């Protein structure tokens, strides 16, 4: 009986420590990436704005559904991420997103012409309110790797057209 009590106390202390660590982690993380794409900004924006074609060139996107306000990406893991475009121009693209996995954030791209090419700089910010979710996000998701992977796929798609 004593063993069960001490095991229960140890589990409660461990759960409390996990919660405390998660609570101390910043709720918002940021990832940045940059690439030069051999295309004018208008062609790059056209590829990004063609959201229904993104499952063809982005790994992990199973489907895209248009909505009255924007679109929903359905990932290969069945996560649903709702997007709203705040700005979709040849100099800047700004999006807001909310996931049914409990996080939300923003995605911003700056497009700067460089001769016949365009430098695309991306900043993605994701906020995870849940302390446990913050720990899981640290273990399972790196926003900088995500931004870099996205830009590599975008570059391949645009330059392959």
C-alpha atoms as a PDB file:
ATOM      1  CA  UNK A   1       0.000   0.000   0.000  1.00  0.00           C
ATOM      2  CA  UNK A   2       2.817   2.365   0.873  1.00  0.00           C
ATOM      3  CA  UNK A   3       4.399   1.735  -2.530  1.00  0.00           C
ATOM      4  CA  UNK A   4       1.193   2.794  -4.294  1.00  0.00           C
ATOM      5  CA  UNK A   5       0.963   6.001  -2.261  1.00  0.00           C
ATOM      6  CA  UNK A   6       4.583   6.944  -3.041  1.00  0.00           C
ATOM      7  CA  UNK A   7       4.108   6.060  -6.690  1.00  0.00           C
ATOM      8  CA  UNK A   8       1.034   8.294  -6.813  1.00  0.00           C
ATOM      9  CA  UNK A   9       2.903  11.147  -5.127  1.00  0.00           C
ATOM     10  CA  UNK A  10       5.847  10.731  -7.529  1.00  0.00           C
ATOM     11  CA  UNK A  11       3.512  10.818 -10.531  1.00  0.00           C
ATOM     12  CA  UNK A  12       1.807  13.967  -9.241  1.00  0.00           C
ATOM     13  CA  UNK A  13       5.170  15.667  -8.689  1.00  0.00           C
ATOM     14  CA  UNK A  14       6.308  14.625 -12.169  1.00  0.00           C
ATOM     15  CA  UNK A  15       3.076  15.923 -13.740  1.00  0.00           C
ATOM     16  CA  UNK A  16       3.510  19.192 -11.842  1.00  0.00           C
ATOM     17  CA  UNK A  17       7.085  19.554 -13.091  1.00  0.00           C
ATOM     18  CA  UNK A  18       6.039  18.881 -16.681  1.00  0.00           C
ATOM     19  CA  UNK A  19       3.301  21.506 -16.382  1.00  0.00           C
ATOM     20  CA  UNK A  20       5.723  24.005 -14.813  1.00  0.00           C
ATOM     21  CA  UNK A  21       8.315  23.501 -17.563  1.00  0.00           C
ATOM     22  CA  UNK A  22       5.644  23.922 -20.244  1.00  0.00           C
ATOM     23  CA  UNK A  23       4.260  26.999 -18.539  1.00  0.00           C
ATOM     24  CA  UNK A  24       7.744  28.576 -18.405  1.00  0.00           C
ATOM     25  CA  UNK A  25       8.377  28.017 -22.121  1.00  0.00           C
ATOM     26  CA  UNK A  26       7.449  30.945 -24.373  1.00  0.00           C
ATOM     27  CA  UNK A  27       4.012  30.479 -25.934  1.00  0.00           C
ATOM     28  CA  UNK A  28       5.156  31.865 -29.301  1.00  0.00           C
ATOM     29  CA  UNK A  29       7.977  30.531 -31.452  1.00  0.00           C
ATOM     30  CA  UNK A  30       9.322  31.931 -34.676  1.00  0.00           C
ATOM     31  CA  UNK A  31      10.971  30.427 -37.732  1.00  0.00           C
ATOM     32  CA  UNK A  32      12.757  32.368 -40.480  1.00  0.00           C
ATOM     33  CA  UNK A  33      14.051  31.292 -43.871  1.00  0.00           C
ATOM     34  CA  UNK A  34      15.118  32.886 -47.121  1.00  0.00           C
ATOM     35  CA  UNK A  35      15.665  31.751 -50.703  1.00  0.00           C
ATOM     36  CA  UNK A  36      16.276  33.269 -54.118  1.00  0.00           C
ATOM     37  CA  UNK A  37      13.868  31.999 -56.782  1.00  0.00           C
ATOM     38  CA  UNK A  38      14.575  32.448 -60.482  1.00  0.00           C
ATOM     39  CA  UNK A  39      11.220  34.073 -61.274  1.00  0.00           C
ATOM     40  CA  UNK A  40       9.485  37.430 -60.945  1.00  0.00           C
ATOM     41  CA  UNK A  41       7.351  38.107 -57.835  1.00  0.00           C
ATOM     42  CA  UNK A  42       4.074  37.835 -59.800  1.00  0.00           C
ATOM     43  CA  UNK A  43       4.761  34.201 -60.730  1.00  0.00           C
ATOM     44  CA  UNK A  44       5.721  33.308 -57.155  1.00  0.00           C
ATOM     45  CA  UNK A  45       2.577  34.937 -55.761  1.00  0.00           C
ATOM     46  CA  UNK A  46       0.470  33.096 -58.346  1.00  0.00           C
ATOM     47  CA  UNK A  47       1.862  29.745 -57.167  1.00  0.00           C
ATOM     48  CA  UNK A  48       1.309  30.586 -53.486  1.00  0.00           C
ATOM     49  CA  UNK A  49      -2.218  31.912 -54.160  1.00  0.00           C
ATOM     50  CA  UNK A  50      -3.178  28.738 -56.052  1.00  0.00           C
ATOM     51  CA  UNK A  51      -3.866  27.000 -52.754  1.00  0.00           C
ATOM     52  CA  UNK A  52      -5.841  24.138 -54.309  1.00  0.00           C
ATOM     53  CA  UNK A  53      -2.680  23.013 -56.173  1.00  0.00           C
ATOM     54  CA  UNK A  54      -0.494  22.957 -53.055  1.00  0.00           C
ATOM     55  CA  UNK A  55      -1.058  19.248 -52.308  1.00  0.00           C
ATOM     56  CA  UNK A  56       0.704  18.613 -55.657  1.00  0.00           C
ATOM     57  CA  UNK A  57       3.961  20.196 -54.529  1.00  0.00           C
ATOM     58  CA  UNK A  58       3.928  20.350 -50.718  1.00  0.00           C
ATOM     59  CA  UNK A  59       4.714  17.207 -48.791  1.00  0.00           C
ATOM     60  CA  UNK A  60       2.319  16.478 -45.947  1.00  0.00           C
ATOM     61  CA  UNK A  61      -0.686  18.334 -47.394  1.00  0.00           C
ATOM     62  CA  UNK A  62      -3.463  15.871 -48.212  1.00  0.00           C
ATOM     63  CA  UNK A  63      -6.109  18.349 -49.381  1.00  0.00           C
ATOM     64  CA  UNK A  64      -7.112  21.993 -49.506  1.00  0.00           C
ATOM     65  CA  UNK A  65     -10.685  23.198 -49.130  1.00  0.00           C
ATOM     66  CA  UNK A  66     -11.726  26.719 -50.200  1.00  0.00           C
ATOM     67  CA  UNK A  67     -13.916  28.607 -47.722  1.00  0.00           C
ATOM     68  CA  UNK A  68     -15.763  31.921 -47.930  1.00  0.00           C
ATOM     69  CA  UNK A  69     -12.996  33.591 -45.888  1.00  0.00           C
ATOM     70  CA  UNK A  70      -9.902  31.695 -47.084  1.00  0.00           C
ATOM     71  CA  UNK A  71      -8.983  28.026 -47.141  1.00  0.00           C
ATOM     72  CA  UNK A  72      -8.349  24.987 -44.975  1.00  0.00           C
ATOM     73  CA  UNK A  73      -5.302  22.768 -45.363  1.00  0.00           C
ATOM     74  CA  UNK A  74      -5.834  19.160 -44.334  1.00  0.00           C
ATOM     75  CA  UNK A  75      -2.536  17.537 -43.465  1.00  0.00           C
ATOM     76  CA  UNK A  76      -1.587  13.901 -43.961  1.00  0.00           C
ATOM     77  CA  UNK A  77      -2.207  13.490 -40.182  1.00  0.00           C
ATOM     78  CA  UNK A  78      -5.783  14.863 -40.649  1.00  0.00           C
ATOM     79  CA  UNK A  79      -4.979  18.133 -38.873  1.00  0.00           C
ATOM     80  CA  UNK A  80      -7.061  21.015 -40.212  1.00  0.00           C
ATOM     81  CA  UNK A  81      -5.386  24.428 -40.490  1.00  0.00           C
ATOM     82  CA  UNK A  82      -7.600  27.382 -41.428  1.00  0.00           C
ATOM     83  CA  UNK A  83      -5.926  30.244 -43.314  1.00  0.00           C
ATOM     84  CA  UNK A  84      -7.005  33.834 -43.892  1.00  0.00           C
ATOM     85  CA  UNK A  85      -5.043  36.027 -46.315  1.00  0.00           C
ATOM     86  CA  UNK A  86      -4.586  39.531 -44.906  1.00  0.00           C
ATOM     87  CA  UNK A  87      -2.400  40.661 -47.812  1.00  0.00           C
ATOM     88  CA  UNK A  88      -1.500  38.918 -51.075  1.00  0.00           C
ATOM     89  CA  UNK A  89       0.649  41.313 -53.093  1.00  0.00           C
ATOM     90  CA  UNK A  90       3.822  41.125 -55.149  1.00  0.00           C
ATOM     91  CA  UNK A  91       5.869  42.751 -52.367  1.00  0.00           C
ATOM     92  CA  UNK A  92       4.348  41.072 -49.302  1.00  0.00           C
ATOM     93  CA  UNK A  93       2.084  38.201 -48.365  1.00  0.00           C
ATOM     94  CA  UNK A  94       0.536  38.041 -44.897  1.00  0.00           C
ATOM     95  CA  UNK A  95      -1.536  35.132 -43.652  1.00  0.00           C
ATOM     96  CA  UNK A  96      -3.153  34.216 -40.326  1.00  0.00           C
ATOM     97  CA  UNK A  97      -3.783  30.596 -39.402  1.00  0.00           C
ATOM     98  CA  UNK A  98      -5.529  28.544 -36.742  1.00  0.00           C
ATOM     99  CA  UNK A  99      -5.123  24.803 -36.270  1.00  0.00           C
ATOM    100  CA  UNK A 100      -7.562  22.366 -34.754  1.00  0.00           C
ATOM    101  CA  UNK A 101      -4.487  21.006 -32.914  1.00  0.00           C
ATOM    102  CA  UNK A 102      -4.630  24.028 -30.594  1.00  0.00           C
ATOM    103  CA  UNK A 103      -2.183  26.561 -32.013  1.00  0.00           C
ATOM    104  CA  UNK A 104      -2.466  29.668 -34.152  1.00  0.00           C
ATOM    105  CA  UNK A 105      -0.177  32.194 -35.736  1.00  0.00           C
ATOM    106  CA  UNK A 106       0.959  34.200 -38.712  1.00  0.00           C
ATOM    107  CA  UNK A 107       3.005  33.656 -41.857  1.00  0.00           C
ATOM    108  CA  UNK A 108       4.605  36.545 -43.684  1.00  0.00           C
ATOM    109  CA  UNK A 109       6.682  36.604 -46.854  1.00  0.00           C
ATOM    110  CA  UNK A 110       8.593  39.563 -48.275  1.00  0.00           C
ATOM    111  CA  UNK A 111       9.365  39.381 -52.002  1.00  0.00           C
ATOM    112  CA  UNK A 112      12.242  41.526 -53.264  1.00  0.00           C
ATOM    113  CA  UNK A 113      13.155  41.507 -56.978  1.00  0.00           C
ATOM    114  CA  UNK A 114      16.842  40.881 -57.738  1.00  0.00           C
ATOM    115  CA  UNK A 115      17.311  41.146 -61.483  1.00  0.00           C
ATOM    116  CA  UNK A 116      15.427  38.238 -63.090  1.00  0.00           C
ATOM    117  CA  UNK A 117      15.033  36.552 -59.686  1.00  0.00           C
ATOM    118  CA  UNK A 118      13.226  37.258 -56.426  1.00  0.00           C
ATOM    119  CA  UNK A 119      14.496  36.980 -52.857  1.00  0.00           C
ATOM    120  CA  UNK A 120      11.732  35.501 -50.706  1.00  0.00           C
ATOM    121  CA  UNK A 121      12.072  35.920 -46.933  1.00  0.00           C
ATOM    122  CA  UNK A 122       9.578  34.130 -44.700  1.00  0.00           C
ATOM    123  CA  UNK A 123       8.738  34.566 -41.021  1.00  0.00           C
ATOM    124  CA  UNK A 124       6.323  32.139 -39.386  1.00  0.00           C
ATOM    125  CA  UNK A 125       5.120  32.646 -35.820  1.00  0.00           C
ATOM    126  CA  UNK A 126       3.112  30.018 -33.990  1.00  0.00           C
ATOM    127  CA  UNK A 127       1.518  30.436 -30.567  1.00  0.00           C
ATOM    128  CA  UNK A 128       0.701  27.389 -28.450  1.00  0.00           C
ATOM    129  CA  UNK A 129      -1.348  28.374 -25.377  1.00  0.00           C
ATOM    130  CA  UNK A 130      -1.263  24.981 -23.649  1.00  0.00           C
ATOM    131  CA  UNK A 131       1.804  24.271 -21.452  1.00  0.00           C
ATOM    132  CA  UNK A 132       1.786  20.593 -22.459  1.00  0.00           C
ATOM    133  CA  UNK A 133       1.330  21.606 -26.106  1.00  0.00           C
ATOM    134  CA  UNK A 134       4.400  23.872 -25.830  1.00  0.00           C
ATOM    135  CA  UNK A 135       6.524  20.930 -24.724  1.00  0.00           C
ATOM    136  CA  UNK A 136       5.192  18.723 -27.515  1.00  0.00           C
ATOM    137  CA  UNK A 137       5.722  21.510 -30.063  1.00  0.00           C
ATOM    138  CA  UNK A 138       9.354  21.855 -28.939  1.00  0.00           C
ATOM    139  CA  UNK A 139       9.871  18.126 -29.321  1.00  0.00           C
ATOM    140  CA  UNK A 140       8.008  17.608 -32.601  1.00  0.00           C
ATOM    141  CA  UNK A 141       8.056  20.871 -34.589  1.00  0.00           C
ATOM    142  CA  UNK A 142      10.787  23.293 -35.599  1.00  0.00           C
ATOM    143  CA  UNK A 143       9.322  26.397 -37.287  1.00  0.00           C
ATOM    144  CA  UNK A 144      12.645  27.246 -38.971  1.00  0.00           C
ATOM    145  CA  UNK A 145      12.901  23.793 -40.543  1.00  0.00           C
ATOM    146  CA  UNK A 146       9.276  24.086 -41.654  1.00  0.00           C
ATOM    147  CA  UNK A 147       9.891  27.506 -43.270  1.00  0.00           C
ATOM    148  CA  UNK A 148      13.043  26.237 -45.001  1.00  0.00           C
ATOM    149  CA  UNK A 149      11.256  23.140 -46.293  1.00  0.00           C
ATOM    150  CA  UNK A 150       8.327  25.215 -47.554  1.00  0.00           C
ATOM    151  CA  UNK A 151      10.620  27.592 -49.450  1.00  0.00           C
ATOM    152  CA  UNK A 152      12.574  24.708 -51.011  1.00  0.00           C
ATOM    153  CA  UNK A 153       9.305  23.199 -52.286  1.00  0.00           C
ATOM    154  CA  UNK A 154       8.107  26.608 -53.518  1.00  0.00           C
ATOM    155  CA  UNK A 155      11.391  27.176 -55.363  1.00  0.00           C
ATOM    156  CA  UNK A 156      11.196  23.754 -57.011  1.00  0.00           C
ATOM    157  CA  UNK A 157       7.570  24.348 -58.055  1.00  0.00           C
ATOM    158  CA  UNK A 158       8.102  27.850 -59.456  1.00  0.00           C
ATOM    159  CA  UNK A 159      11.375  27.095 -61.230  1.00  0.00           C
ATOM    160  CA  UNK A 160       9.978  23.824 -62.606  1.00  0.00           C
ATOM    161  CA  UNK A 161       7.111  25.598 -64.389  1.00  0.00           C
END
